[in-house]
Amino acid sequence: MQHLRPDFDTAALVGWGVHALLLGRADRPATETALKRIAGMGSYAEVETELYAAVSEMIDDPAGYGLFVMDCDAFGGIEAGRQAVRHLRAAGVSVPVILLTATCPVQEFPEDRVMPVVLRSPLTAVSFRVGFEHAMRDRLMWRAA
């Protein structure tokens, strides 16, 4: 498992130290870009390379993570990502989810908080920031209060 911890003194701390789990493959540029984007938001990221290991980790320790990000194209596409979200929700895990895929025609920012944000890959800094803030909107509202 790869760990990346940003310098919290100088980072744009929109993420306020959120502990994120990134599911992806180390040999994919999309995974590396997502890892950098997560760290750039001021979050602590762990990378898991096995689908069921990541889902199991989230189920076993739902309070240990504040965000789940998945590079869907590394695991069979957007349907694999939606299936992973269904497993998490069925187990009672309500952590915010961002799914990344090159095949989505339109990025999704759902109003329903249990639905995942879907972002197009390759991931730009702007799209990730918008998706991150949308996924974490409950946390952002409590922080502002």
C-alpha atoms as a PDB file:
ATOM      1  CA  MET A   1       0.000   0.000   0.000  1.00  0.00           C
ATOM      2  CA  GLN A   2       1.350   3.410  -0.947  1.00  0.00           C
ATOM      3  CA  HIS A   3       0.966   6.377   1.417  1.00  0.00           C
ATOM      4  CA  LEU A   4       1.244  10.032   0.477  1.00  0.00           C
ATOM      5  CA  ARG A   5       1.039  12.738   3.103  1.00  0.00           C
ATOM      6  CA  PRO A   6       1.055  16.390   2.062  1.00  0.00           C
ATOM      7  CA  ASP A   7       2.643  19.234   3.994  1.00  0.00           C
ATOM      8  CA  PHE A   8      -0.386  20.557   5.875  1.00  0.00           C
ATOM      9  CA  ASP A   9       1.297  23.874   6.674  1.00  0.00           C
ATOM     10  CA  THR A  10       1.488  24.918   3.036  1.00  0.00           C
ATOM     11  CA  ALA A  11      -1.301  22.925   1.340  1.00  0.00           C
ATOM     12  CA  ALA A  12      -4.609  24.451   0.334  1.00  0.00           C
ATOM     13  CA  LEU A  13      -6.435  22.787   3.189  1.00  0.00           C
ATOM     14  CA  VAL A  14      -9.826  22.362   1.604  1.00  0.00           C
ATOM     15  CA  GLY A  15      -9.544  18.703   2.603  1.00  0.00           C
ATOM     16  CA  TRP A  16      -8.619  19.514   6.215  1.00  0.00           C
ATOM     17  CA  GLY A  17      -6.677  16.307   6.599  1.00  0.00           C
ATOM     18  CA  VAL A  18      -9.387  13.972   5.305  1.00  0.00           C
ATOM     19  CA  HIS A  19      -8.136  10.392   5.275  1.00  0.00           C
ATOM     20  CA  ALA A  20      -8.947   9.077   1.790  1.00  0.00           C
ATOM     21  CA  LEU A  21      -8.707   5.604   0.314  1.00  0.00           C
ATOM     22  CA  LEU A  22      -7.835   5.580  -3.394  1.00  0.00           C
ATOM     23  CA  LEU A  23      -8.544   2.377  -5.291  1.00  0.00           C
ATOM     24  CA  GLY A  24      -6.406   2.185  -8.406  1.00  0.00           C
ATOM     25  CA  ARG A  25      -3.375   0.655 -10.070  1.00  0.00           C
ATOM     26  CA  ALA A  26       0.111   2.056  -9.611  1.00  0.00           C
ATOM     27  CA  ASP A  27       0.929   1.639 -13.320  1.00  0.00           C
ATOM     28  CA  ARG A  28      -1.965   3.878 -14.435  1.00  0.00           C
ATOM     29  CA  PRO A  29      -1.412   7.619 -14.913  1.00  0.00           C
ATOM     30  CA  ALA A  30      -5.025   8.253 -13.842  1.00  0.00           C
ATOM     31  CA  THR A  31      -4.334   6.733 -10.423  1.00  0.00           C
ATOM     32  CA  GLU A  32      -1.148   8.752  -9.976  1.00  0.00           C
ATOM     33  CA  THR A  33      -2.944  11.952 -10.987  1.00  0.00           C
ATOM     34  CA  ALA A  34      -5.790  11.240  -8.557  1.00  0.00           C
ATOM     35  CA  LEU A  35      -3.293  10.635  -5.761  1.00  0.00           C
ATOM     36  CA  LYS A  36      -1.674  13.997  -6.433  1.00  0.00           C
ATOM     37  CA  ARG A  37      -5.064  15.756  -6.595  1.00  0.00           C
ATOM     38  CA  ILE A  38      -6.126  14.259  -3.251  1.00  0.00           C
ATOM     39  CA  ALA A  39      -2.877  15.337  -1.612  1.00  0.00           C
ATOM     40  CA  GLY A  40      -3.209  18.777  -3.189  1.00  0.00           C
ATOM     41  CA  MET A  41      -6.511  19.235  -1.375  1.00  0.00           C
ATOM     42  CA  GLY A  42      -4.759  18.744   1.972  1.00  0.00           C
ATOM     43  CA  SER A  43      -5.846  15.143   2.439  1.00  0.00           C
ATOM     44  CA  TYR A  44      -3.970  12.044   3.496  1.00  0.00           C
ATOM     45  CA  ALA A  45      -4.245   9.315   0.847  1.00  0.00           C
ATOM     46  CA  GLU A  46      -3.749   5.557   0.939  1.00  0.00           C
ATOM     47  CA  VAL A  47      -3.696   3.551  -2.281  1.00  0.00           C
ATOM     48  CA  GLU A  48      -5.199   0.089  -2.488  1.00  0.00           C
ATOM     49  CA  THR A  49      -4.754  -1.991  -5.643  1.00  0.00           C
ATOM     50  CA  GLU A  50      -7.315  -4.756  -5.057  1.00  0.00           C
ATOM     51  CA  LEU A  51     -11.041  -4.040  -5.407  1.00  0.00           C
ATOM     52  CA  TYR A  52     -12.359  -6.355  -2.712  1.00  0.00           C
ATOM     53  CA  ALA A  53      -9.531  -5.497  -0.317  1.00  0.00           C
ATOM     54  CA  ALA A  54     -10.469  -1.815  -0.587  1.00  0.00           C
ATOM     55  CA  VAL A  55     -14.184  -2.462  -0.109  1.00  0.00           C
ATOM     56  CA  SER A  56     -13.409  -4.730   2.843  1.00  0.00           C
ATOM     57  CA  GLU A  57     -11.144  -2.099   4.382  1.00  0.00           C
ATOM     58  CA  MET A  58     -13.880   0.529   4.096  1.00  0.00           C
ATOM     59  CA  ILE A  59     -16.458  -1.829   5.623  1.00  0.00           C
ATOM     60  CA  ASP A  60     -14.144  -2.879   8.467  1.00  0.00           C
ATOM     61  CA  ASP A  61     -13.213   0.698   9.386  1.00  0.00           C
ATOM     62  CA  PRO A  62     -15.854   3.138   8.044  1.00  0.00           C
ATOM     63  CA  ALA A  63     -14.931   5.826  10.576  1.00  0.00           C
ATOM     64  CA  GLY A  64     -11.267   5.590   9.562  1.00  0.00           C
ATOM     65  CA  TYR A  65     -11.871   7.162   6.159  1.00  0.00           C
ATOM     66  CA  GLY A  66     -13.547  10.361   5.082  1.00  0.00           C
ATOM     67  CA  LEU A  67     -13.507   9.712   1.326  1.00  0.00           C
ATOM     68  CA  PHE A  68     -13.342   6.805  -1.113  1.00  0.00           C
ATOM     69  CA  VAL A  69     -11.983   7.483  -4.625  1.00  0.00           C
ATOM     70  CA  MET A  70     -11.919   4.800  -7.330  1.00  0.00           C
ATOM     71  CA  ASP A  71     -10.211   4.748 -10.712  1.00  0.00           C
ATOM     72  CA  CYS A  72     -12.991   2.689 -12.295  1.00  0.00           C
ATOM     73  CA  ASP A  73     -11.209   2.085 -15.608  1.00  0.00           C
ATOM     74  CA  ALA A  74      -8.573   0.007 -13.795  1.00  0.00           C
ATOM     75  CA  PHE A  75     -11.284  -2.412 -12.614  1.00  0.00           C
ATOM     76  CA  GLY A  76     -13.648  -2.809 -15.557  1.00  0.00           C
ATOM     77  CA  GLY A  77     -15.319   0.567 -15.940  1.00  0.00           C
ATOM     78  CA  ILE A  78     -17.996   2.657 -14.295  1.00  0.00           C
ATOM     79  CA  GLU A  79     -20.238  -0.333 -13.582  1.00  0.00           C
ATOM     80  CA  ALA A  80     -17.513  -1.845 -11.380  1.00  0.00           C
ATOM     81  CA  GLY A  81     -17.414   1.454  -9.493  1.00  0.00           C
ATOM     82  CA  ARG A  82     -21.171   1.544  -9.047  1.00  0.00           C
ATOM     83  CA  GLN A  83     -21.082  -2.067  -7.839  1.00  0.00           C
ATOM     84  CA  ALA A  84     -18.426  -1.160  -5.249  1.00  0.00           C
ATOM     85  CA  VAL A  85     -20.651   1.694  -4.045  1.00  0.00           C
ATOM     86  CA  ARG A  86     -23.614  -0.706  -3.776  1.00  0.00           C
ATOM     87  CA  HIS A  87     -21.488  -3.034  -1.611  1.00  0.00           C
ATOM     88  CA  LEU A  88     -20.466  -0.151   0.639  1.00  0.00           C
ATOM     89  CA  ARG A  89     -24.013   1.161   1.030  1.00  0.00           C
ATOM     90  CA  ALA A  90     -25.406  -2.342   1.665  1.00  0.00           C
ATOM     91  CA  ALA A  91     -22.891  -2.688   4.516  1.00  0.00           C
ATOM     92  CA  GLY A  92     -24.006   0.648   5.985  1.00  0.00           C
ATOM     93  CA  VAL A  93     -20.920   2.648   4.949  1.00  0.00           C
ATOM     94  CA  SER A  94     -21.977   6.208   4.111  1.00  0.00           C
ATOM     95  CA  VAL A  95     -18.568   7.709   3.301  1.00  0.00           C
ATOM     96  CA  PRO A  96     -18.513  10.114   0.312  1.00  0.00           C
ATOM     97  CA  VAL A  97     -17.417   8.466  -2.965  1.00  0.00           C
ATOM     98  CA  ILE A  98     -15.798   9.841  -6.115  1.00  0.00           C
ATOM     99  CA  LEU A  99     -15.652   7.580  -9.180  1.00  0.00           C
ATOM    100  CA  LEU A 100     -13.212   8.374 -12.000  1.00  0.00           C
ATOM    101  CA  THR A 101     -13.687   7.127 -15.559  1.00  0.00           C
ATOM    102  CA  ALA A 102     -12.730   8.141 -19.077  1.00  0.00           C
ATOM    103  CA  THR A 103     -16.021   6.846 -20.464  1.00  0.00           C
ATOM    104  CA  CYS A 104     -18.532   9.118 -18.744  1.00  0.00           C
ATOM    105  CA  PRO A 105     -20.211  11.476 -21.212  1.00  0.00           C
ATOM    106  CA  VAL A 106     -21.313  13.869 -18.443  1.00  0.00           C
ATOM    107  CA  GLN A 107     -19.825  14.377 -14.997  1.00  0.00           C
ATOM    108  CA  GLU A 108     -22.311  13.673 -12.209  1.00  0.00           C
ATOM    109  CA  PHE A 109     -22.815  15.793  -9.094  1.00  0.00           C
ATOM    110  CA  PRO A 110     -25.867  14.166  -7.485  1.00  0.00           C
ATOM    111  CA  GLU A 111     -28.046  15.884  -4.898  1.00  0.00           C
ATOM    112  CA  ASP A 112     -28.524  12.579  -3.068  1.00  0.00           C
ATOM    113  CA  ARG A 113     -25.632  12.332  -0.604  1.00  0.00           C
ATOM    114  CA  VAL A 114     -25.357   8.538  -0.850  1.00  0.00           C
ATOM    115  CA  MET A 115     -24.785   8.638  -4.609  1.00  0.00           C
ATOM    116  CA  PRO A 116     -21.199   8.915  -5.883  1.00  0.00           C
ATOM    117  CA  VAL A 117     -19.738  11.904  -7.685  1.00  0.00           C
ATOM    118  CA  VAL A 118     -18.576  10.768 -11.146  1.00  0.00           C
ATOM    119  CA  LEU A 119     -15.681  12.650 -12.744  1.00  0.00           C
ATOM    120  CA  ARG A 120     -14.163  12.295 -16.202  1.00  0.00           C
ATOM    121  CA  SER A 121     -10.600  11.103 -16.500  1.00  0.00           C
ATOM    122  CA  PRO A 122      -8.002  12.518 -17.165  1.00  0.00           C
ATOM    123  CA  LEU A 123      -8.658  14.402 -13.978  1.00  0.00           C
ATOM    124  CA  THR A 124      -8.025  18.141 -13.970  1.00  0.00           C
ATOM    125  CA  ALA A 125      -7.338  20.111 -10.808  1.00  0.00           C
ATOM    126  CA  VAL A 126     -10.514  22.146 -11.311  1.00  0.00           C
ATOM    127  CA  SER A 127     -12.831  19.165 -11.879  1.00  0.00           C
ATOM    128  CA  PHE A 128     -11.384  17.335  -8.884  1.00  0.00           C
ATOM    129  CA  ARG A 129     -11.770  20.370  -6.633  1.00  0.00           C
ATOM    130  CA  VAL A 130     -15.417  20.809  -7.674  1.00  0.00           C
ATOM    131  CA  GLY A 131     -16.082  17.077  -7.253  1.00  0.00           C
ATOM    132  CA  PHE A 132     -14.261  16.962  -3.930  1.00  0.00           C
ATOM    133  CA  GLU A 133     -16.151  19.936  -2.541  1.00  0.00           C
ATOM    134  CA  HIS A 134     -19.445  18.493  -3.766  1.00  0.00           C
ATOM    135  CA  ALA A 135     -18.752  15.073  -2.239  1.00  0.00           C
ATOM    136  CA  MET A 136     -17.584  16.628   1.033  1.00  0.00           C
ATOM    137  CA  ARG A 137     -20.315  19.282   1.235  1.00  0.00           C
ATOM    138  CA  ASP A 138     -21.622  18.049   4.604  1.00  0.00           C
ATOM    139  CA  ARG A 139     -18.145  18.325   6.089  1.00  0.00           C
ATOM    140  CA  LEU A 140     -17.651  21.749   4.506  1.00  0.00           C
ATOM    141  CA  MET A 141     -20.945  23.028   5.962  1.00  0.00           C
ATOM    142  CA  TRP A 142     -20.059  21.829   9.482  1.00  0.00           C
ATOM    143  CA  ARG A 143     -16.596  23.357   9.192  1.00  0.00           C
ATOM    144  CA  ALA A 144     -18.045  26.742   8.170  1.00  0.00           C
ATOM    145  CA  ALA A 145     -20.579  26.788  11.025  1.00  0.00           C
END
